[in-house]
Amino acid sequence: MTLTRLVDQDRAAVMLTVDGMEVAAKSGDTILTAILAAGFGFVRTSEFGDGPRAGFCWMGACQDCWVMVEGAGVRRACTTLVDAGMRVTRR
């Protein structure tokens, strides 16, 4: 799954790193939006063996989009805003 940005094209660019790869996002994007818009296709692989996961609730109520943010620990990708220089590891 790749998201296509339809609006807010003029927001400032923010560069972050996901799994060692530099990713461009927009100011105000969540980590989940940045990951999917960059074409990664999924946030993590389920530990229960049911495959890749791209977020479930998209509102911070489940634990389906946990990622590791360097210096901040485990965070929900769907509710955590990107920050310039952020280093994210998908789990």
C-alpha atoms as a PDB file:
ATOM      1  CA  MET A   1       0.000   0.000   0.000  1.00  0.00           C
ATOM      2  CA  THR A   2       1.331   3.438  -0.931  1.00  0.00           C
ATOM      3  CA  LEU A   3      -0.489   6.579   0.107  1.00  0.00           C
ATOM      4  CA  THR A   4      -0.822   9.440  -2.350  1.00  0.00           C
ATOM      5  CA  ARG A   5      -0.854  12.967  -0.953  1.00  0.00           C
ATOM      6  CA  LEU A   6      -3.768  14.885  -2.459  1.00  0.00           C
ATOM      7  CA  VAL A   7      -3.685  18.056  -0.350  1.00  0.00           C
ATOM      8  CA  ASP A   8      -1.247  20.062   1.776  1.00  0.00           C
ATOM      9  CA  GLN A   9       1.524  19.872  -0.816  1.00  0.00           C
ATOM     10  CA  ASP A  10       2.933  23.191   0.426  1.00  0.00           C
ATOM     11  CA  ARG A  11       3.758  22.055   3.988  1.00  0.00           C
ATOM     12  CA  ALA A  12       7.450  22.122   4.873  1.00  0.00           C
ATOM     13  CA  ALA A  13       9.499  19.026   4.084  1.00  0.00           C
ATOM     14  CA  VAL A  14      10.868  16.978   6.984  1.00  0.00           C
ATOM     15  CA  MET A  15      13.593  14.352   6.550  1.00  0.00           C
ATOM     16  CA  LEU A  16      13.719  11.326   8.822  1.00  0.00           C
ATOM     17  CA  THR A  17      15.277   7.870   8.682  1.00  0.00           C
ATOM     18  CA  VAL A  18      13.229   4.667   8.595  1.00  0.00           C
ATOM     19  CA  ASP A  19      15.171   1.398   8.897  1.00  0.00           C
ATOM     20  CA  GLY A  20      18.329   3.244   7.822  1.00  0.00           C
ATOM     21  CA  MET A  21      16.746   4.780   4.702  1.00  0.00           C
ATOM     22  CA  GLU A  22      16.214   8.529   4.397  1.00  0.00           C
ATOM     23  CA  VAL A  23      12.521   9.389   3.966  1.00  0.00           C
ATOM     24  CA  ALA A  24      10.884  12.693   3.053  1.00  0.00           C
ATOM     25  CA  ALA A  25       7.678  13.591   4.888  1.00  0.00           C
ATOM     26  CA  LYS A  26       5.691  16.760   5.439  1.00  0.00           C
ATOM     27  CA  SER A  27       5.520  18.763   8.646  1.00  0.00           C
ATOM     28  CA  GLY A  28       2.482  17.549  10.562  1.00  0.00           C
ATOM     29  CA  ASP A  29       2.599  13.986   9.157  1.00  0.00           C
ATOM     30  CA  THR A  30       2.493  11.041  11.510  1.00  0.00           C
ATOM     31  CA  ILE A  31       5.186   8.386  11.347  1.00  0.00           C
ATOM     32  CA  LEU A  32       2.571   6.011   9.900  1.00  0.00           C
ATOM     33  CA  THR A  33       1.775   8.435   7.070  1.00  0.00           C
ATOM     34  CA  ALA A  34       5.483   8.936   6.345  1.00  0.00           C
ATOM     35  CA  ILE A  35       6.163   5.182   6.236  1.00  0.00           C
ATOM     36  CA  LEU A  36       3.239   4.365   3.959  1.00  0.00           C
ATOM     37  CA  ALA A  37       3.671   7.420   1.705  1.00  0.00           C
ATOM     38  CA  ALA A  38       7.341   6.471   1.235  1.00  0.00           C
ATOM     39  CA  GLY A  39       6.217   3.144  -0.217  1.00  0.00           C
ATOM     40  CA  PHE A  40       7.276   0.785   2.577  1.00  0.00           C
ATOM     41  CA  GLY A  41       3.872  -0.928   2.348  1.00  0.00           C
ATOM     42  CA  PHE A  42       3.675  -1.948   5.982  1.00  0.00           C
ATOM     43  CA  VAL A  43       4.715  -0.855   9.461  1.00  0.00           C
ATOM     44  CA  ARG A  44       5.616  -4.187  10.985  1.00  0.00           C
ATOM     45  CA  THR A  45       5.145  -7.924  10.676  1.00  0.00           C
ATOM     46  CA  SER A  46       2.684  -9.443  13.117  1.00  0.00           C
ATOM     47  CA  GLU A  47       4.193 -11.524  15.876  1.00  0.00           C
ATOM     48  CA  PHE A  48       1.158 -13.833  15.583  1.00  0.00           C
ATOM     49  CA  GLY A  49       2.091 -14.993  12.081  1.00  0.00           C
ATOM     50  CA  ASP A  50      -0.700 -13.274  10.165  1.00  0.00           C
ATOM     51  CA  GLY A  51       1.629 -11.205   7.990  1.00  0.00           C
ATOM     52  CA  PRO A  52       2.501  -7.569   7.394  1.00  0.00           C
ATOM     53  CA  ARG A  53       0.548  -4.892   9.243  1.00  0.00           C
ATOM     54  CA  ALA A  54      -0.089  -1.318   8.062  1.00  0.00           C
ATOM     55  CA  GLY A  55      -1.914  -0.022  11.103  1.00  0.00           C
ATOM     56  CA  PHE A  56      -5.341  -1.128  12.270  1.00  0.00           C
ATOM     57  CA  CYS A  57      -7.294   1.595  14.056  1.00  0.00           C
ATOM     58  CA  TRP A  58      -5.294   4.653  12.868  1.00  0.00           C
ATOM     59  CA  MET A  59      -6.272   6.520  16.069  1.00  0.00           C
ATOM     60  CA  GLY A  60      -3.965   5.192  18.808  1.00  0.00           C
ATOM     61  CA  ALA A  61      -6.363   2.694  20.375  1.00  0.00           C
ATOM     62  CA  CYS A  62      -4.631  -0.542  19.361  1.00  0.00           C
ATOM     63  CA  GLN A  63      -1.012  -1.725  19.400  1.00  0.00           C
ATOM     64  CA  ASP A  64      -0.760  -2.575  15.713  1.00  0.00           C
ATOM     65  CA  CYS A  65       1.635   0.181  14.600  1.00  0.00           C
ATOM     66  CA  TRP A  66       4.332   0.216  17.285  1.00  0.00           C
ATOM     67  CA  VAL A  67       7.725   1.449  16.049  1.00  0.00           C
ATOM     68  CA  MET A  68      10.986   2.217  17.827  1.00  0.00           C
ATOM     69  CA  VAL A  69      12.034   5.877  17.801  1.00  0.00           C
ATOM     70  CA  GLU A  70      15.684   6.437  18.707  1.00  0.00           C
ATOM     71  CA  GLY A  71      15.899   8.347  21.983  1.00  0.00           C
ATOM     72  CA  ALA A  72      12.157   8.073  22.651  1.00  0.00           C
ATOM     73  CA  GLY A  73      11.509   4.324  22.779  1.00  0.00           C
ATOM     74  CA  VAL A  74       8.457   2.510  21.465  1.00  0.00           C
ATOM     75  CA  ARG A  75       5.785   4.757  19.969  1.00  0.00           C
ATOM     76  CA  ARG A  76       2.531   4.400  18.065  1.00  0.00           C
ATOM     77  CA  ALA A  77       3.261   5.373  14.454  1.00  0.00           C
ATOM     78  CA  CYS A  78      -0.335   6.516  13.888  1.00  0.00           C
ATOM     79  CA  THR A  79      -0.284   9.220  16.566  1.00  0.00           C
ATOM     80  CA  THR A  80       3.387  10.280  16.704  1.00  0.00           C
ATOM     81  CA  LEU A  81       4.287  13.264  14.522  1.00  0.00           C
ATOM     82  CA  VAL A  82       7.494  13.180  12.493  1.00  0.00           C
ATOM     83  CA  ASP A  83      10.377  15.374  13.514  1.00  0.00           C
ATOM     84  CA  ALA A  84      13.412  16.381  11.455  1.00  0.00           C
ATOM     85  CA  GLY A  85      16.248  13.906  11.935  1.00  0.00           C
ATOM     86  CA  MET A  86      14.019  11.323  13.647  1.00  0.00           C
ATOM     87  CA  ARG A  87      15.351   7.772  13.422  1.00  0.00           C
ATOM     88  CA  VAL A  88      12.630   5.126  13.260  1.00  0.00           C
ATOM     89  CA  THR A  89      12.929   1.353  13.219  1.00  0.00           C
ATOM     90  CA  ARG A  90       9.934  -0.714  12.166  1.00  0.00           C
ATOM     91  CA  ARG A  91       9.438  -3.674  14.463  1.00  0.00           C
END
